Amino acid sequence: MSTKLQRKFEDHLESLEAAANSEIDLRDNYKLYNKLQRFYTKQGVTFTGDCQTDYNMVVNYLYEDLFAEY
């Protein structure tokens, strides 16, 4: 797990894991989704401006950061 992500969002890890597993839609918690989008922008991600594509990108990066073994 990305320690930077874990540190920054430690209070929301349960929600993030649920979103990464497609159990919840992060857009229902707009404040958290916005924070995640800013976090990944600072990590160098360039978003497209399309709501659905950008959401999928956030969830994909989130899944990778939470569950990928490097």
Protein backbone atom coordinates (compact mmCIF):
# COMPACT_ATOMS: atom_id res chain seq x y z
CA MET A 1 0.00 0.00 0.00
CA SER A 2 1.22 3.47 -0.80
CA THR A 3 2.32 4.86 2.55
CA LYS A 4 1.66 8.41 1.36
CA LEU A 5 -1.94 7.49 0.50
CA GLN A 6 -2.30 5.59 3.76
CA ARG A 7 -1.02 8.52 5.81
CA LYS A 8 -3.07 11.17 4.03
CA PHE A 9 -6.36 9.21 4.03
CA GLU A 10 -6.01 7.01 7.12
CA ASP A 11 -9.46 8.02 8.41
CA HIS A 12 -11.07 6.95 5.12
CA LEU A 13 -9.27 3.69 4.30
CA GLU A 14 -12.42 1.58 4.66
CA SER A 15 -14.28 3.78 2.16
CA LEU A 16 -11.32 3.82 -0.22
CA GLU A 17 -11.04 0.03 -0.19
CA ALA A 18 -14.80 -0.27 -0.80
CA ALA A 19 -14.53 2.15 -3.73
CA ALA A 20 -11.55 0.29 -5.19
CA ASN A 21 -13.63 -2.91 -5.03
CA SER A 22 -16.61 -1.16 -6.71
CA GLU A 23 -18.75 -1.50 -3.60
CA ILE A 24 -19.41 2.24 -3.26
CA ASP A 25 -19.26 5.27 -5.55
CA LEU A 26 -16.81 7.86 -4.26
CA ARG A 27 -18.70 10.62 -6.02
CA ASP A 28 -21.36 10.24 -3.31
CA ASN A 29 -18.75 11.71 -0.94
CA TYR A 30 -17.75 14.68 -3.08
CA LYS A 31 -15.32 16.13 -0.54
CA LEU A 32 -13.33 12.89 -0.29
CA TYR A 33 -13.40 12.37 -4.06
CA ASN A 34 -12.13 15.91 -4.61
CA LYS A 35 -9.28 15.34 -2.13
CA LEU A 36 -8.32 12.13 -3.94
CA GLN A 37 -8.35 13.86 -7.30
CA ARG A 38 -6.08 16.62 -5.94
CA PHE A 39 -3.81 13.99 -4.35
CA TYR A 40 -3.34 12.18 -7.66
CA THR A 41 -2.90 15.46 -9.55
CA LYS A 42 0.00 16.27 -7.20
CA GLN A 43 1.37 12.79 -7.94
CA GLY A 44 1.54 13.74 -11.62
CA VAL A 45 -1.73 12.38 -12.98
CA THR A 46 -3.30 14.47 -15.74
CA PHE A 47 -7.06 14.17 -15.80
CA THR A 48 -9.13 14.48 -18.98
CA GLY A 49 -12.00 16.66 -17.78
CA ASP A 50 -14.54 13.93 -18.57
CA CYS A 51 -16.31 13.04 -15.32
CA GLN A 52 -16.66 9.30 -15.98
CA THR A 53 -13.13 8.84 -17.33
CA ASP A 54 -11.61 10.82 -14.48
CA TYR A 55 -13.57 8.82 -11.91
CA ASN A 56 -12.38 5.56 -13.47
CA MET A 57 -8.81 6.84 -13.39
CA VAL A 58 -9.07 7.72 -9.69
CA VAL A 59 -10.52 4.30 -8.85
CA ASN A 60 -7.87 2.49 -10.92
CA TYR A 61 -5.02 4.38 -9.24
CA LEU A 62 -6.66 3.81 -5.89
CA TYR A 63 -6.92 0.07 -6.50
CA GLU A 64 -3.29 -0.04 -7.59
CA ASP A 65 -2.12 1.91 -4.55
CA LEU A 66 -4.15 -0.14 -2.09
CA PHE A 67 -3.74 -3.66 -3.42
CA ALA A 68 -0.84 -3.92 -5.88
CA GLU A 69 2.28 -5.72 -4.77
CA TYR A 70 5.38 -3.96 -6.05
